[in-house]
């Protein structure tokens, strides 16, 4: 983990291979696909056409479960803010963007996909642009506010991704703890979470 933390400090992102393993990985992948198939997700503006869900109880559990390791990988004491997941379909894109204050530190985790190869996530850091392929269970920890990130059109049937967001307890965005909610399990009516 020391090498990972040093790389994160230098380039503002780091790949964490096999951060989620079976049976949890398979269970969450099937769950995400089922939610998409059943129509219990919504469309958002960041990835037109992709189905999304915020504050899901299972993904919030993952947000909390991976918090200690995210802290170790970044060498930061973190507050959780929120979880968010998407199921993308053929041709979907993720426009180039940076994130809002509650996404100071993000973990983008591949739950699974139906495609010939992993769908690259493009990240722009201090050393330039990188194309990062995440296999199921792999995650990318990055500074979402500082590093623009995006995806070109998906060349596959679908891909499921969960985003776990945190803020530095000692940083300028600490007030975004729990995304300014009373806690992880609470939502505010009309509270639009846009990843």
N, C-alpha and C. Protein backbone atom coordinates (compact mmCIF):
# COMPACT_ATOMS: atom_id res chain seq x y z
N UNK A 1 0.81 -1.20 0.00
CA UNK A 1 0.00 0.00 0.00
C UNK A 1 0.86 1.27 0.00
N UNK A 2 2.08 1.20 0.53
CA UNK A 2 2.95 2.38 0.53
C UNK A 2 3.23 2.87 -0.88
N UNK A 3 3.51 1.93 -1.80
CA UNK A 3 3.76 2.30 -3.19
C UNK A 3 2.54 2.97 -3.80
N UNK A 4 1.36 2.44 -3.47
CA UNK A 4 0.12 3.00 -3.99
C UNK A 4 -0.07 4.43 -3.48
N UNK A 5 0.17 4.64 -2.20
CA UNK A 5 0.01 5.98 -1.61
C UNK A 5 1.01 6.97 -2.20
N UNK A 6 2.23 6.52 -2.45
CA UNK A 6 3.25 7.40 -3.04
C UNK A 6 2.86 7.78 -4.47
N UNK A 7 2.36 6.81 -5.23
CA UNK A 7 1.92 7.08 -6.60
C UNK A 7 0.72 8.02 -6.61
N UNK A 8 -0.21 7.80 -5.69
CA UNK A 8 -1.38 8.68 -5.59
C UNK A 8 -0.95 10.13 -5.29
N UNK A 9 -0.01 10.29 -4.36
CA UNK A 9 0.46 11.63 -4.01
C UNK A 9 1.12 12.32 -5.20
N UNK A 10 1.82 11.55 -6.02
CA UNK A 10 2.56 12.12 -7.14
C UNK A 10 1.67 12.44 -8.34
N UNK A 11 0.79 11.50 -8.72
CA UNK A 11 0.02 11.71 -9.95
C UNK A 11 -1.47 12.01 -9.73
N UNK A 12 -1.92 12.01 -8.47
CA UNK A 12 -3.29 12.35 -8.08
C UNK A 12 -4.30 11.26 -8.44
N UNK A 13 -3.84 10.11 -8.86
CA UNK A 13 -4.70 8.95 -9.05
C UNK A 13 -3.83 7.71 -8.99
N UNK A 14 -4.48 6.58 -8.70
CA UNK A 14 -3.78 5.31 -8.65
C UNK A 14 -4.78 4.19 -8.90
N UNK A 15 -4.33 3.16 -9.61
CA UNK A 15 -5.17 1.98 -9.86
C UNK A 15 -4.99 1.00 -8.71
N UNK A 16 -6.11 0.49 -8.25
CA UNK A 16 -6.13 -0.49 -7.17
C UNK A 16 -6.72 -1.77 -7.75
N UNK A 17 -5.84 -2.70 -8.10
CA UNK A 17 -6.26 -3.96 -8.72
C UNK A 17 -6.92 -4.87 -7.68
N UNK A 18 -8.00 -5.52 -8.09
CA UNK A 18 -8.71 -6.50 -7.26
C UNK A 18 -9.10 -5.94 -5.89
N UNK A 19 -9.62 -4.73 -5.88
CA UNK A 19 -10.03 -4.17 -4.58
C UNK A 19 -11.34 -4.77 -4.10
N UNK A 20 -12.12 -5.34 -5.01
CA UNK A 20 -13.35 -6.05 -4.63
C UNK A 20 -13.31 -7.42 -5.27
N UNK A 21 -13.55 -8.43 -4.45
CA UNK A 21 -13.45 -9.82 -4.93
C UNK A 21 -14.79 -10.54 -4.74
N UNK A 22 -14.88 -11.70 -5.36
CA UNK A 22 -16.06 -12.54 -5.18
C UNK A 22 -16.09 -13.08 -3.76
N UNK A 23 -17.25 -13.31 -3.21
CA UNK A 23 -18.57 -13.29 -3.86
C UNK A 23 -19.20 -11.89 -3.94
N UNK A 24 -18.66 -10.92 -3.21
CA UNK A 24 -19.25 -9.57 -3.21
C UNK A 24 -19.31 -8.96 -4.61
N UNK A 25 -18.24 -9.13 -5.37
CA UNK A 25 -18.18 -8.55 -6.71
C UNK A 25 -19.30 -9.08 -7.59
N UNK A 26 -19.45 -10.39 -7.67
CA UNK A 26 -20.51 -11.00 -8.51
C UNK A 26 -21.90 -10.59 -8.04
N UNK A 27 -22.08 -10.55 -6.75
CA UNK A 27 -23.37 -10.18 -6.19
C UNK A 27 -23.75 -8.75 -6.57
N UNK A 28 -22.82 -7.81 -6.42
CA UNK A 28 -23.12 -6.41 -6.72
C UNK A 28 -23.28 -6.18 -8.23
N UNK A 29 -22.53 -6.92 -9.04
CA UNK A 29 -22.68 -6.81 -10.50
C UNK A 29 -24.08 -7.27 -10.92
N UNK A 30 -24.50 -8.42 -10.43
CA UNK A 30 -25.84 -8.94 -10.76
C UNK A 30 -26.92 -7.99 -10.25
N UNK A 31 -26.71 -7.45 -9.06
CA UNK A 31 -27.66 -6.51 -8.47
C UNK A 31 -27.80 -5.26 -9.35
N UNK A 32 -26.68 -4.68 -9.78
CA UNK A 32 -26.71 -3.48 -10.62
C UNK A 32 -27.43 -3.78 -11.94
N UNK A 33 -27.11 -4.89 -12.56
CA UNK A 33 -27.76 -5.25 -13.83
C UNK A 33 -29.26 -5.48 -13.64
N UNK A 34 -29.65 -6.10 -12.55
CA UNK A 34 -31.06 -6.34 -12.27
C UNK A 34 -31.80 -5.02 -12.05
N UNK A 35 -31.20 -4.11 -11.31
CA UNK A 35 -31.82 -2.79 -11.10
C UNK A 35 -32.04 -2.09 -12.45
N UNK A 36 -31.05 -2.18 -13.34
CA UNK A 36 -31.18 -1.55 -14.67
C UNK A 36 -32.29 -2.21 -15.47
N UNK A 37 -32.34 -3.54 -15.46
CA UNK A 37 -33.35 -4.27 -16.21
C UNK A 37 -34.76 -4.00 -15.70
N UNK A 38 -34.90 -3.83 -14.40
CA UNK A 38 -36.23 -3.62 -13.79
C UNK A 38 -36.71 -2.18 -13.87
N UNK A 39 -35.85 -1.27 -14.34
CA UNK A 39 -36.27 0.12 -14.50
C UNK A 39 -36.34 0.91 -13.21
N UNK A 40 -35.52 0.55 -12.23
CA UNK A 40 -35.56 1.25 -10.94
C UNK A 40 -34.42 2.27 -10.81
N UNK A 41 -33.84 2.67 -11.93
CA UNK A 41 -32.76 3.65 -11.93
C UNK A 41 -33.21 4.86 -12.77
N UNK A 42 -32.43 5.92 -12.77
CA UNK A 42 -32.80 7.14 -13.48
C UNK A 42 -31.70 7.56 -14.43
N UNK A 43 -32.03 8.49 -15.32
CA UNK A 43 -31.06 9.07 -16.24
C UNK A 43 -30.50 10.34 -15.61
N UNK A 44 -29.21 10.61 -15.82
CA UNK A 44 -28.64 11.87 -15.36
C UNK A 44 -27.95 12.57 -16.52
N UNK A 45 -27.54 13.80 -16.34
CA UNK A 45 -26.99 14.59 -17.43
C UNK A 45 -25.52 14.35 -17.72
N UNK A 46 -24.80 13.76 -16.79
CA UNK A 46 -23.35 13.58 -16.99
C UNK A 46 -23.06 12.49 -18.00
N UNK A 47 -23.87 11.45 -18.00
CA UNK A 47 -23.71 10.33 -18.94
C UNK A 47 -25.06 10.06 -19.59
N UNK A 48 -25.45 10.87 -20.59
CA UNK A 48 -26.76 10.72 -21.22
C UNK A 48 -26.99 9.28 -21.70
N UNK A 49 -28.13 8.73 -21.35
CA UNK A 49 -28.47 7.37 -21.75
C UNK A 49 -28.14 6.33 -20.70
N UNK A 50 -27.16 6.58 -19.85
CA UNK A 50 -26.78 5.61 -18.82
C UNK A 50 -27.78 5.67 -17.67
N UNK A 51 -28.04 4.52 -17.08
CA UNK A 51 -28.94 4.43 -15.94
C UNK A 51 -28.14 4.58 -14.65
N UNK A 52 -28.68 5.34 -13.70
CA UNK A 52 -27.94 5.70 -12.49
C UNK A 52 -28.77 5.50 -11.24
N UNK A 53 -28.07 5.40 -10.11
CA UNK A 53 -28.73 5.33 -8.82
C UNK A 53 -27.79 5.88 -7.76
N UNK A 54 -28.32 6.69 -6.86
CA UNK A 54 -27.54 7.29 -5.79
C UNK A 54 -28.03 6.79 -4.44
N UNK A 55 -27.12 6.68 -3.49
CA UNK A 55 -27.49 6.36 -2.12
C UNK A 55 -28.12 4.99 -1.92
N UNK A 56 -27.79 4.04 -2.78
CA UNK A 56 -28.30 2.68 -2.65
C UNK A 56 -27.73 2.04 -1.38
N UNK A 57 -28.54 1.32 -0.65
CA UNK A 57 -28.11 0.75 0.63
C UNK A 57 -26.91 -0.19 0.47
N UNK A 58 -26.88 -0.99 -0.58
CA UNK A 58 -25.75 -1.91 -0.78
C UNK A 58 -24.48 -1.17 -1.16
N UNK A 59 -24.63 -0.17 -2.03
CA UNK A 59 -23.45 0.60 -2.45
C UNK A 59 -22.95 1.49 -1.31
N UNK A 60 -23.87 1.99 -0.48
CA UNK A 60 -23.44 2.74 0.71
C UNK A 60 -22.67 1.83 1.67
N UNK A 61 -23.09 0.57 1.76
CA UNK A 61 -22.33 -0.39 2.57
C UNK A 61 -20.92 -0.57 2.05
N UNK A 62 -20.77 -0.62 0.73
CA UNK A 62 -19.46 -0.73 0.11
C UNK A 62 -18.64 0.53 0.37
N UNK A 63 -19.29 1.69 0.31
CA UNK A 63 -18.64 2.97 0.61
C UNK A 63 -17.98 2.91 1.99
N UNK A 64 -18.70 2.37 2.95
CA UNK A 64 -18.17 2.28 4.31
C UNK A 64 -17.13 1.16 4.45
N UNK A 65 -17.38 0.03 3.81
CA UNK A 65 -16.44 -1.10 3.90
C UNK A 65 -15.07 -0.76 3.33
N UNK A 66 -15.03 0.02 2.25
CA UNK A 66 -13.75 0.33 1.60
C UNK A 66 -13.09 1.60 2.14
N UNK A 67 -13.75 2.29 3.05
CA UNK A 67 -13.19 3.51 3.63
C UNK A 67 -11.80 3.30 4.24
N UNK A 68 -11.58 2.30 5.09
CA UNK A 68 -10.24 2.16 5.70
C UNK A 68 -9.13 1.92 4.66
N UNK A 69 -9.43 1.19 3.62
CA UNK A 69 -8.41 0.91 2.61
C UNK A 69 -8.19 2.14 1.73
N UNK A 70 -9.25 2.90 1.45
CA UNK A 70 -9.10 4.15 0.70
C UNK A 70 -8.23 5.12 1.50
N UNK A 71 -8.39 5.13 2.81
CA UNK A 71 -7.55 5.98 3.66
C UNK A 71 -6.08 5.54 3.58
N UNK A 72 -5.88 4.24 3.61
CA UNK A 72 -4.51 3.73 3.54
C UNK A 72 -3.87 4.03 2.18
N UNK A 73 -4.66 3.90 1.11
CA UNK A 73 -4.13 4.13 -0.24
C UNK A 73 -3.82 5.59 -0.50
N UNK A 74 -4.50 6.50 0.20
CA UNK A 74 -4.30 7.93 -0.03
C UNK A 74 -3.48 8.60 1.08
N UNK A 75 -3.30 7.89 2.19
CA UNK A 75 -2.66 8.44 3.40
C UNK A 75 -3.41 9.67 3.92
N UNK A 76 -4.74 9.63 3.78
CA UNK A 76 -5.60 10.70 4.26
C UNK A 76 -6.66 10.12 5.18
N UNK A 77 -7.08 10.87 6.16
CA UNK A 77 -8.22 10.51 6.99
C UNK A 77 -9.44 11.07 6.27
N UNK A 78 -10.38 10.19 5.91
CA UNK A 78 -11.48 10.56 5.03
C UNK A 78 -12.84 10.49 5.71
N UNK A 79 -13.74 11.36 5.27
CA UNK A 79 -15.16 11.25 5.58
C UNK A 79 -15.83 10.67 4.35
N UNK A 80 -16.77 9.74 4.50
CA UNK A 80 -17.56 9.30 3.35
C UNK A 80 -18.56 10.39 2.97
N UNK A 81 -18.88 10.51 1.69
CA UNK A 81 -19.90 11.47 1.27
C UNK A 81 -21.11 10.75 0.67
N UNK A 82 -20.93 10.02 -0.43
CA UNK A 82 -22.05 9.27 -1.00
C UNK A 82 -21.56 8.23 -2.00
N UNK A 83 -22.44 7.30 -2.30
CA UNK A 83 -22.19 6.30 -3.35
C UNK A 83 -23.13 6.57 -4.51
N UNK A 84 -22.72 6.09 -5.68
CA UNK A 84 -23.47 6.33 -6.91
C UNK A 84 -23.08 5.21 -7.86
N UNK A 85 -24.04 4.62 -8.54
CA UNK A 85 -23.63 3.62 -9.54
C UNK A 85 -24.40 3.81 -10.84
N UNK A 86 -23.76 3.33 -11.90
CA UNK A 86 -24.35 3.43 -13.24
C UNK A 86 -24.23 2.10 -13.97
N UNK A 87 -25.18 1.88 -14.84
CA UNK A 87 -25.09 0.82 -15.84
C UNK A 87 -25.15 1.51 -17.20
N UNK A 88 -24.03 1.44 -17.90
CA UNK A 88 -23.90 2.05 -19.22
C UNK A 88 -24.25 0.99 -20.28
N UNK A 89 -24.70 1.47 -21.43
CA UNK A 89 -25.02 0.57 -22.54
C UNK A 89 -24.27 1.00 -23.79
N UNK A 90 -24.29 0.15 -24.79
CA UNK A 90 -23.53 0.38 -26.02
C UNK A 90 -23.70 1.82 -26.52
N UNK A 91 -22.58 2.45 -26.80
CA UNK A 91 -22.58 3.81 -27.32
C UNK A 91 -22.61 4.90 -26.27
N UNK A 92 -22.88 4.56 -25.00
CA UNK A 92 -22.90 5.58 -23.95
C UNK A 92 -21.51 6.19 -23.79
N UNK A 93 -21.49 7.45 -23.42
CA UNK A 93 -20.24 8.17 -23.17
C UNK A 93 -20.33 8.82 -21.80
N UNK A 94 -19.19 9.17 -21.27
CA UNK A 94 -19.11 9.99 -20.07
C UNK A 94 -18.34 11.22 -20.48
N UNK A 95 -19.02 12.36 -20.50
CA UNK A 95 -18.39 13.60 -20.93
C UNK A 95 -17.23 13.99 -20.02
N UNK A 96 -16.25 14.66 -20.60
CA UNK A 96 -15.09 15.12 -19.82
C UNK A 96 -15.57 16.11 -18.77
N UNK A 97 -15.19 15.86 -17.52
CA UNK A 97 -15.65 16.72 -16.43
C UNK A 97 -14.74 16.58 -15.21
N UNK A 98 -14.89 17.50 -14.30
CA UNK A 98 -14.36 17.36 -12.94
C UNK A 98 -15.57 17.30 -12.04
N UNK A 99 -15.36 16.83 -10.82
CA UNK A 99 -16.47 16.58 -9.91
C UNK A 99 -16.72 17.74 -8.96
N UNK A 100 -17.83 17.65 -8.28
CA UNK A 100 -18.23 18.67 -7.32
C UNK A 100 -17.50 18.44 -5.99
N UNK A 101 -17.63 19.36 -5.02
CA UNK A 101 -16.83 19.30 -3.79
C UNK A 101 -16.92 18.00 -2.98
N UNK A 102 -18.05 17.32 -3.00
CA UNK A 102 -18.18 16.10 -2.20
C UNK A 102 -17.44 14.91 -2.82
N UNK A 103 -16.82 15.12 -3.97
CA UNK A 103 -16.08 14.06 -4.67
C UNK A 103 -14.58 14.36 -4.69
N UNK A 104 -14.08 14.91 -3.59
CA UNK A 104 -12.65 15.26 -3.53
C UNK A 104 -11.79 14.04 -3.82
N UNK A 105 -12.09 12.93 -3.16
CA UNK A 105 -11.41 11.66 -3.39
C UNK A 105 -12.47 10.67 -3.84
N UNK A 106 -12.28 10.09 -5.01
CA UNK A 106 -13.26 9.15 -5.55
C UNK A 106 -12.62 7.81 -5.85
N UNK A 107 -13.43 6.78 -5.70
CA UNK A 107 -13.03 5.43 -6.08
C UNK A 107 -14.04 4.96 -7.10
N UNK A 108 -13.60 4.84 -8.36
CA UNK A 108 -14.44 4.33 -9.44
C UNK A 108 -14.11 2.85 -9.59
N UNK A 109 -15.10 2.01 -9.34
CA UNK A 109 -14.89 0.57 -9.25
C UNK A 109 -15.70 -0.16 -10.31
N UNK A 110 -15.02 -0.95 -11.13
CA UNK A 110 -15.69 -1.74 -12.17
C UNK A 110 -16.35 -2.96 -11.52
N UNK A 111 -17.68 -3.06 -11.68
CA UNK A 111 -18.41 -4.21 -11.15
C UNK A 111 -18.46 -5.34 -12.18
N UNK A 112 -18.41 -4.99 -13.46
CA UNK A 112 -18.44 -6.01 -14.51
C UNK A 112 -18.91 -5.40 -15.82
N UNK A 113 -18.77 -6.18 -16.89
CA UNK A 113 -19.17 -5.69 -18.21
C UNK A 113 -19.37 -6.86 -19.15
N UNK A 114 -20.09 -6.58 -20.23
CA UNK A 114 -20.24 -7.50 -21.36
C UNK A 114 -19.63 -6.80 -22.56
N UNK A 115 -18.37 -7.06 -22.81
CA UNK A 115 -17.62 -6.45 -23.90
C UNK A 115 -16.37 -7.30 -24.12
N UNK A 116 -15.72 -7.10 -25.25
CA UNK A 116 -14.51 -7.86 -25.55
C UNK A 116 -13.35 -7.50 -24.64
N UNK A 117 -13.33 -6.26 -24.20
CA UNK A 117 -12.23 -5.80 -23.34
C UNK A 117 -12.75 -4.72 -22.40
N UNK A 118 -12.00 -4.41 -21.35
CA UNK A 118 -12.44 -3.34 -20.43
C UNK A 118 -12.60 -2.01 -21.15
N UNK A 119 -13.53 -1.22 -20.65
CA UNK A 119 -13.85 0.09 -21.21
C UNK A 119 -12.93 1.13 -20.57
N UNK A 120 -12.03 1.75 -21.33
CA UNK A 120 -11.06 2.67 -20.75
C UNK A 120 -11.69 3.90 -20.10
N UNK A 121 -11.15 4.25 -18.96
CA UNK A 121 -11.48 5.49 -18.27
C UNK A 121 -10.30 6.43 -18.48
N UNK A 122 -10.58 7.58 -19.07
CA UNK A 122 -9.53 8.56 -19.36
C UNK A 122 -9.40 9.50 -18.16
N UNK A 123 -8.15 9.71 -17.72
CA UNK A 123 -7.89 10.60 -16.59
C UNK A 123 -6.74 11.53 -16.95
N UNK A 124 -6.93 12.81 -16.65
CA UNK A 124 -5.89 13.80 -16.91
C UNK A 124 -5.32 14.26 -15.58
N UNK A 125 -4.06 13.93 -15.35
CA UNK A 125 -3.38 14.31 -14.13
C UNK A 125 -2.17 15.17 -14.43
N UNK A 126 -1.32 15.40 -13.44
CA UNK A 126 -0.15 16.26 -13.62
C UNK A 126 0.84 15.74 -14.67
N UNK A 127 0.78 14.44 -14.97
CA UNK A 127 1.71 13.85 -15.92
C UNK A 127 1.08 13.63 -17.29
N UNK A 128 -0.11 14.21 -17.51
CA UNK A 128 -0.77 14.05 -18.80
C UNK A 128 -2.00 13.18 -18.71
N UNK A 129 -2.45 12.71 -19.87
CA UNK A 129 -3.66 11.90 -19.98
C UNK A 129 -3.29 10.42 -19.98
N UNK A 130 -4.04 9.65 -19.19
CA UNK A 130 -3.86 8.19 -19.14
C UNK A 130 -5.17 7.51 -19.50
N UNK A 131 -5.07 6.41 -20.22
CA UNK A 131 -6.20 5.56 -20.54
C UNK A 131 -6.11 4.35 -19.62
N UNK A 132 -7.07 4.20 -18.74
CA UNK A 132 -6.98 3.17 -17.70
C UNK A 132 -8.08 2.14 -17.91
N UNK A 133 -7.67 0.88 -18.05
CA UNK A 133 -8.62 -0.21 -18.20
C UNK A 133 -8.77 -0.90 -16.85
N UNK A 134 -10.02 -1.02 -16.42
CA UNK A 134 -10.32 -1.66 -15.14
C UNK A 134 -11.06 -2.97 -15.40
N UNK A 135 -10.49 -4.06 -14.95
CA UNK A 135 -11.16 -5.36 -15.00
C UNK A 135 -12.18 -5.40 -13.87
N UNK A 136 -13.13 -6.33 -13.92
CA UNK A 136 -14.08 -6.43 -12.80
C UNK A 136 -13.34 -6.57 -11.47
N UNK A 137 -13.72 -5.73 -10.52
CA UNK A 137 -13.10 -5.72 -9.20
C UNK A 137 -11.98 -4.70 -9.07
N UNK A 138 -11.50 -4.14 -10.19
CA UNK A 138 -10.44 -3.12 -10.14
C UNK A 138 -11.06 -1.75 -9.89
N UNK A 139 -10.31 -0.90 -9.21
CA UNK A 139 -10.78 0.45 -8.93
C UNK A 139 -9.72 1.49 -9.26
N UNK A 140 -10.18 2.69 -9.51
CA UNK A 140 -9.30 3.83 -9.71
C UNK A 140 -9.62 4.83 -8.61
N UNK A 141 -8.61 5.15 -7.79
CA UNK A 141 -8.76 6.18 -6.76
C UNK A 141 -8.16 7.45 -7.34
N UNK A 142 -8.93 8.54 -7.33
CA UNK A 142 -8.45 9.77 -7.98
C UNK A 142 -9.02 11.00 -7.28
N UNK A 143 -8.37 12.12 -7.52
CA UNK A 143 -8.85 13.41 -7.03
C UNK A 143 -9.82 13.95 -8.07
N UNK A 144 -11.10 13.69 -7.83
CA UNK A 144 -12.14 14.00 -8.81
C UNK A 144 -12.32 15.47 -9.11
N UNK A 145 -12.00 16.34 -8.16
CA UNK A 145 -12.14 17.77 -8.37
C UNK A 145 -10.99 18.29 -9.23
N UNK A 146 -9.82 17.69 -9.08
CA UNK A 146 -8.61 18.17 -9.75
C UNK A 146 -8.32 17.50 -11.08
N UNK A 147 -8.72 16.26 -11.24
CA UNK A 147 -8.38 15.49 -12.44
C UNK A 147 -9.59 15.33 -13.36
N UNK A 148 -9.59 16.01 -14.51
CA UNK A 148 -10.67 15.76 -15.47
C UNK A 148 -10.67 14.28 -15.87
N UNK A 149 -11.85 13.73 -16.06
CA UNK A 149 -11.97 12.31 -16.43
C UNK A 149 -13.19 12.15 -17.34
N UNK A 150 -13.14 11.12 -18.18
CA UNK A 150 -14.18 10.91 -19.18
C UNK A 150 -14.05 9.52 -19.78
N UNK A 151 -15.04 9.16 -20.61
CA UNK A 151 -15.02 7.90 -21.34
C UNK A 151 -15.56 8.13 -22.74
N UNK A 152 -14.91 7.49 -23.71
CA UNK A 152 -15.36 7.49 -25.10
C UNK A 152 -16.54 6.51 -25.20
N UNK A 153 -17.24 6.44 -26.35
CA UNK A 153 -18.40 5.54 -26.47
C UNK A 153 -18.07 4.09 -26.12
N UNK A 154 -18.98 3.47 -25.37
CA UNK A 154 -18.82 2.08 -24.95
C UNK A 154 -18.98 1.16 -26.15
N UNK A 155 -17.98 0.32 -26.39
CA UNK A 155 -18.03 -0.67 -27.44
C UNK A 155 -18.27 -2.03 -26.79
N UNK A 156 -19.49 -2.24 -26.38
CA UNK A 156 -19.88 -3.47 -25.70
C UNK A 156 -21.35 -3.39 -25.35
N UNK A 157 -21.90 -4.46 -24.80
CA UNK A 157 -23.33 -4.46 -24.48
C UNK A 157 -23.65 -3.59 -23.27
N UNK A 158 -22.86 -3.75 -22.21
CA UNK A 158 -23.08 -2.92 -21.02
C UNK A 158 -21.85 -2.97 -20.11
N UNK A 159 -21.80 -2.01 -19.18
CA UNK A 159 -20.76 -1.96 -18.16
C UNK A 159 -21.37 -1.37 -16.90
N UNK A 160 -21.09 -1.98 -15.76
CA UNK A 160 -21.59 -1.50 -14.48
C UNK A 160 -20.43 -0.96 -13.65
N UNK A 161 -20.62 0.22 -13.11
CA UNK A 161 -19.56 0.94 -12.39
C UNK A 161 -20.17 1.56 -11.14
N UNK A 162 -19.45 1.46 -10.02
CA UNK A 162 -19.88 2.15 -8.80
C UNK A 162 -18.84 3.21 -8.46
N UNK A 163 -19.31 4.35 -7.98
CA UNK A 163 -18.45 5.46 -7.59
C UNK A 163 -18.63 5.68 -6.10
N UNK A 164 -17.54 5.64 -5.37
CA UNK A 164 -17.55 5.85 -3.93
C UNK A 164 -16.80 7.14 -3.65
N UNK A 165 -17.44 8.07 -2.99
CA UNK A 165 -16.87 9.40 -2.83
C UNK A 165 -16.56 9.73 -1.38
N UNK A 166 -15.44 10.45 -1.21
CA UNK A 166 -14.94 10.80 0.11
C UNK A 166 -14.36 12.22 0.07
N UNK A 167 -14.19 12.80 1.26
CA UNK A 167 -13.47 14.08 1.40
C UNK A 167 -12.45 13.94 2.52
N UNK A 168 -11.38 14.68 2.39
CA UNK A 168 -10.31 14.73 3.39
C UNK A 168 -10.86 15.41 4.65
N UNK A 169 -10.76 14.72 5.79
CA UNK A 169 -11.27 15.28 7.05
C UNK A 169 -10.56 16.58 7.42
N UNK A 170 -9.34 16.75 6.94
CA UNK A 170 -8.54 17.94 7.26
C UNK A 170 -8.39 18.87 6.06
N UNK A 171 -9.22 18.69 5.06
CA UNK A 171 -9.10 19.47 3.83
C UNK A 171 -10.18 20.52 3.69
N UNK A 172 -10.16 21.25 2.58
CA UNK A 172 -11.09 22.36 2.36
C UNK A 172 -12.54 21.93 2.11
N UNK A 173 -12.78 20.64 1.88
CA UNK A 173 -14.13 20.17 1.57
C UNK A 173 -14.73 19.31 2.67
N UNK A 174 -14.15 19.34 3.87
CA UNK A 174 -14.61 18.50 4.98
C UNK A 174 -16.07 18.74 5.32
N UNK A 175 -16.58 19.94 5.07
CA UNK A 175 -17.98 20.24 5.36
C UNK A 175 -18.94 19.38 4.52
N UNK A 176 -18.43 18.73 3.46
CA UNK A 176 -19.26 17.88 2.60
C UNK A 176 -19.39 16.46 3.13
N UNK A 177 -18.95 16.22 4.36
CA UNK A 177 -19.14 14.92 5.01
C UNK A 177 -20.60 14.48 4.81
N UNK A 178 -20.80 13.24 4.41
CA UNK A 178 -22.12 12.66 4.12
C UNK A 178 -22.88 13.45 3.06
N UNK A 179 -22.16 14.23 2.24
CA UNK A 179 -22.78 15.07 1.21
C UNK A 179 -23.75 16.06 1.84
N UNK A 180 -23.38 16.53 3.04
CA UNK A 180 -24.17 17.49 3.82
C UNK A 180 -25.53 16.95 4.24
N UNK A 181 -25.63 15.64 4.40
CA UNK A 181 -26.83 15.00 4.95
C UNK A 181 -26.55 14.64 6.40
N UNK A 182 -27.59 14.26 7.17
CA UNK A 182 -27.34 13.87 8.56
C UNK A 182 -26.47 12.61 8.68
N UNK A 183 -26.47 11.78 7.66
CA UNK A 183 -25.68 10.55 7.67
C UNK A 183 -25.81 9.84 6.34
N UNK A 184 -25.14 8.74 6.21
CA UNK A 184 -25.15 7.99 4.95
C UNK A 184 -26.53 7.46 4.60
N UNK A 185 -27.31 7.04 5.55
CA UNK A 185 -28.60 6.40 5.25
C UNK A 185 -29.74 7.41 5.09
N UNK A 186 -29.44 8.71 5.11
CA UNK A 186 -30.48 9.72 4.99
C UNK A 186 -30.39 10.42 3.65
N UNK A 187 -31.51 10.72 3.06
CA UNK A 187 -31.53 11.54 1.85
C UNK A 187 -32.47 12.71 2.07
N UNK A 188 -32.26 13.76 1.37
CA UNK A 188 -33.15 14.93 1.43
C UNK A 188 -34.03 14.90 0.20
N UNK A 189 -35.32 15.16 0.35
CA UNK A 189 -36.18 15.24 -0.84
C UNK A 189 -35.65 16.28 -1.81
N UNK A 190 -35.60 15.92 -3.08
CA UNK A 190 -35.15 16.84 -4.10
C UNK A 190 -33.66 17.05 -4.12
N UNK A 191 -32.91 16.26 -3.34
CA UNK A 191 -31.45 16.41 -3.30
C UNK A 191 -30.86 15.73 -4.53
N UNK A 192 -30.45 16.50 -5.50
CA UNK A 192 -29.91 15.93 -6.74
C UNK A 192 -28.44 15.64 -6.59
N UNK A 193 -28.07 14.37 -6.69
CA UNK A 193 -26.68 13.98 -6.63
C UNK A 193 -26.22 13.79 -8.06
N UNK A 194 -25.24 14.57 -8.47
CA UNK A 194 -24.76 14.50 -9.84
C UNK A 194 -23.27 14.16 -9.81
N UNK A 195 -22.91 12.96 -10.23
CA UNK A 195 -21.52 12.49 -10.19
C UNK A 195 -20.79 12.95 -11.41
